Amino acid sequence: MAPKTAKKVARKTARKTVKKIAKKTARKTARKAKKVTKKKARKVKRVSKIAKGKRAKSAVFAGRKEKTSGGLTKATLMKNKSGKVVSKKSHANGLKAYKKISGWVKAVASARKALGIKGFCAVNGKKGQGKALYAKAKSLYKK
């Protein structure tokens, strides 16, 4: 009976080693599969086409972004006299608003020149110089 038991023992050990090898290969394939799924799971970060923040308009005007968060595109932007990027609509509104007061501004400027006032002077302020400036500007404005 001794040879039979030896055969049985040999078979058992062979089975065990086969099982171990199968487990190892299964683990390796599982690891590889995990690596592949991890690589697939990573998504590329999308860069926004919308400009946000203080320099949003300049970014759109320069062409780095497509539009501002308010919807302004390069076609609706321009540079003003001082070089700041502004919307064409706001620029037009500013010009329209200035037209309404331009007569008074010119009158005050010519009144300052006539009275020889240099530096700061509040128009119609507490001092006599300001009162005189206002009176002169008013008389010139009516003409």
Protein backbone atom coordinates (compact mmCIF):
# COMPACT_ATOMS: atom_id res chain seq x y z
CA MET A 1 0.00 0.00 0.00
CA ALA A 2 2.90 2.28 0.38
CA PRO A 3 3.34 2.88 -3.36
CA LYS A 4 -0.32 3.86 -3.76
CA THR A 5 -0.12 6.42 -1.00
CA ALA A 6 3.04 7.85 -2.53
CA LYS A 7 1.21 8.21 -5.85
CA LYS A 8 -1.70 9.93 -4.10
CA VAL A 9 0.62 12.33 -2.35
CA ALA A 10 2.38 13.11 -5.61
CA ARG A 11 -0.94 13.79 -7.35
CA LYS A 12 -2.06 16.09 -4.53
CA THR A 13 1.14 18.13 -4.66
CA ALA A 14 0.89 18.36 -8.43
CA ARG A 15 -2.69 19.60 -8.16
CA LYS A 16 -1.65 22.16 -5.55
CA THR A 17 1.16 23.53 -7.70
CA VAL A 18 -1.14 23.73 -10.73
CA LYS A 19 -3.71 25.62 -8.63
CA LYS A 20 -1.01 28.03 -7.36
CA ILE A 21 0.22 28.73 -10.87
CA ALA A 22 -3.36 29.29 -12.09
CA LYS A 23 -4.02 31.72 -9.24
CA LYS A 24 -0.84 33.69 -10.00
CA THR A 25 -1.67 34.03 -13.67
CA ALA A 26 -5.24 35.05 -12.81
CA ARG A 27 -3.90 37.74 -10.49
CA LYS A 28 -1.52 39.04 -13.16
CA THR A 29 -4.26 39.26 -15.76
CA ALA A 30 -6.55 40.98 -13.24
CA ARG A 31 -3.84 43.56 -12.51
CA LYS A 32 -3.32 44.21 -16.21
CA ALA A 33 -7.05 44.64 -16.70
CA LYS A 34 -7.17 47.12 -13.81
CA LYS A 35 -4.32 49.14 -15.35
CA VAL A 36 -6.11 49.30 -18.68
CA THR A 37 -9.38 50.41 -17.07
CA LYS A 38 -7.52 53.04 -15.03
CA LYS A 39 -5.96 54.45 -18.18
CA LYS A 40 -9.34 54.55 -19.88
CA ALA A 41 -10.99 56.19 -16.87
CA ARG A 42 -8.71 59.24 -16.98
CA LYS A 43 -10.32 62.02 -18.97
CA VAL A 44 -8.54 64.93 -20.58
CA LYS A 45 -9.24 68.27 -18.86
CA ARG A 46 -11.25 70.54 -21.15
CA VAL A 47 -10.16 74.17 -21.27
CA SER A 48 -13.02 76.66 -21.12
CA LYS A 49 -13.70 78.89 -24.13
CA ILE A 50 -15.37 81.49 -21.87
CA ALA A 51 -13.19 84.23 -20.38
CA LYS A 52 -13.88 85.15 -16.75
CA GLY A 53 -12.48 87.77 -14.41
CA LYS A 54 -11.02 91.24 -14.60
CA ARG A 55 -9.09 90.71 -17.85
CA ALA A 56 -11.85 88.76 -19.59
CA LYS A 57 -12.47 91.35 -22.31
CA SER A 58 -8.77 91.71 -23.10
CA ALA A 59 -8.42 87.90 -23.34
CA VAL A 60 -11.28 87.76 -25.85
CA PHE A 61 -9.94 90.76 -27.78
CA ALA A 62 -6.47 89.17 -27.99
CA GLY A 63 -8.02 85.91 -29.23
CA ARG A 64 -7.10 83.68 -26.27
CA LYS A 65 -10.77 82.99 -25.50
CA GLU A 66 -13.95 82.99 -27.58
CA LYS A 67 -16.33 85.08 -25.47
CA THR A 68 -16.84 86.65 -22.05
CA SER A 69 -19.25 85.36 -19.42
CA GLY A 70 -21.57 88.20 -20.47
CA GLY A 71 -21.52 86.99 -24.08
CA LEU A 72 -19.23 89.61 -25.64
CA THR A 73 -17.21 88.35 -28.62
CA LYS A 74 -14.27 89.93 -30.46
CA ALA A 75 -16.69 91.48 -32.96
CA THR A 76 -18.46 93.39 -30.15
CA LEU A 77 -15.24 94.71 -28.51
CA MET A 78 -12.90 97.59 -29.28
CA LYS A 79 -10.09 99.62 -27.71
CA ASN A 80 -10.98 103.11 -26.49
CA LYS A 81 -8.81 106.22 -26.69
CA SER A 82 -6.87 105.32 -23.56
CA GLY A 83 -6.25 101.74 -24.76
CA LYS A 84 -8.75 99.94 -22.55
CA VAL A 85 -10.83 97.14 -24.12
CA VAL A 86 -14.52 98.11 -23.97
CA SER A 87 -17.70 96.97 -25.69
CA LYS A 88 -18.76 98.95 -28.74
CA LYS A 89 -22.20 99.52 -27.22
CA SER A 90 -20.85 100.99 -23.99
CA HIS A 91 -18.48 103.22 -26.01
CA ALA A 92 -21.40 104.49 -28.10
CA ASN A 93 -23.48 105.10 -24.95
CA GLY A 94 -20.61 107.10 -23.45
CA LEU A 95 -20.32 109.29 -26.52
CA LYS A 96 -24.09 109.85 -26.54
CA ALA A 97 -24.05 110.81 -22.85
CA TYR A 98 -21.12 113.20 -23.34
CA LYS A 99 -22.92 114.97 -26.20
CA LYS A 100 -25.60 116.03 -23.72
CA ILE A 101 -23.12 117.78 -21.41
CA SER A 102 -20.42 118.83 -23.90
CA GLY A 103 -21.87 122.38 -24.19
CA TRP A 104 -21.59 122.94 -20.45
CA VAL A 105 -18.06 121.47 -20.33
CA LYS A 106 -16.94 123.87 -23.09
CA ALA A 107 -18.62 126.80 -21.31
CA VAL A 108 -16.83 126.00 -18.03
CA ALA A 109 -13.48 125.61 -19.84
CA SER A 110 -13.81 128.98 -21.57
CA ALA A 111 -14.98 130.61 -18.30
CA ARG A 112 -11.89 129.28 -16.50
CA LYS A 113 -9.71 130.74 -19.26
CA ALA A 114 -11.50 134.13 -19.13
CA LEU A 115 -11.18 134.38 -15.34
CA GLY A 116 -7.59 133.05 -15.34
CA ILE A 117 -8.34 130.17 -12.97
CA LYS A 118 -5.67 127.46 -12.79
CA GLY A 119 -5.80 124.33 -10.67
CA PHE A 120 -8.82 123.05 -8.81
CA CYS A 121 -11.88 125.25 -8.33
CA ALA A 122 -15.32 123.89 -7.40
CA VAL A 123 -17.95 125.28 -9.75
CA ASN A 124 -20.47 127.21 -7.59
CA GLY A 125 -18.56 126.22 -4.46
CA LYS A 126 -18.40 128.04 -1.13
CA LYS A 127 -15.68 130.50 -2.22
CA GLY A 128 -16.20 133.58 -4.36
CA GLN A 129 -13.97 132.28 -7.14
CA GLY A 130 -16.25 129.22 -7.61
CA LYS A 131 -19.38 131.42 -7.61
CA ALA A 132 -17.84 133.73 -10.21
CA LEU A 133 -16.83 130.73 -12.35
CA TYR A 134 -20.37 129.37 -12.25
CA ALA A 135 -21.90 132.74 -13.16
CA LYS A 136 -19.49 133.21 -16.10
CA ALA A 137 -20.00 129.62 -17.34
CA LYS A 138 -23.80 130.05 -17.12
CA SER A 139 -23.69 133.25 -19.14
CA LEU A 140 -21.49 131.61 -21.81
CA TYR A 141 -23.64 128.45 -21.89
CA LYS A 142 -26.82 130.37 -22.68
CA LYS A 143 -25.21 132.03 -25.71
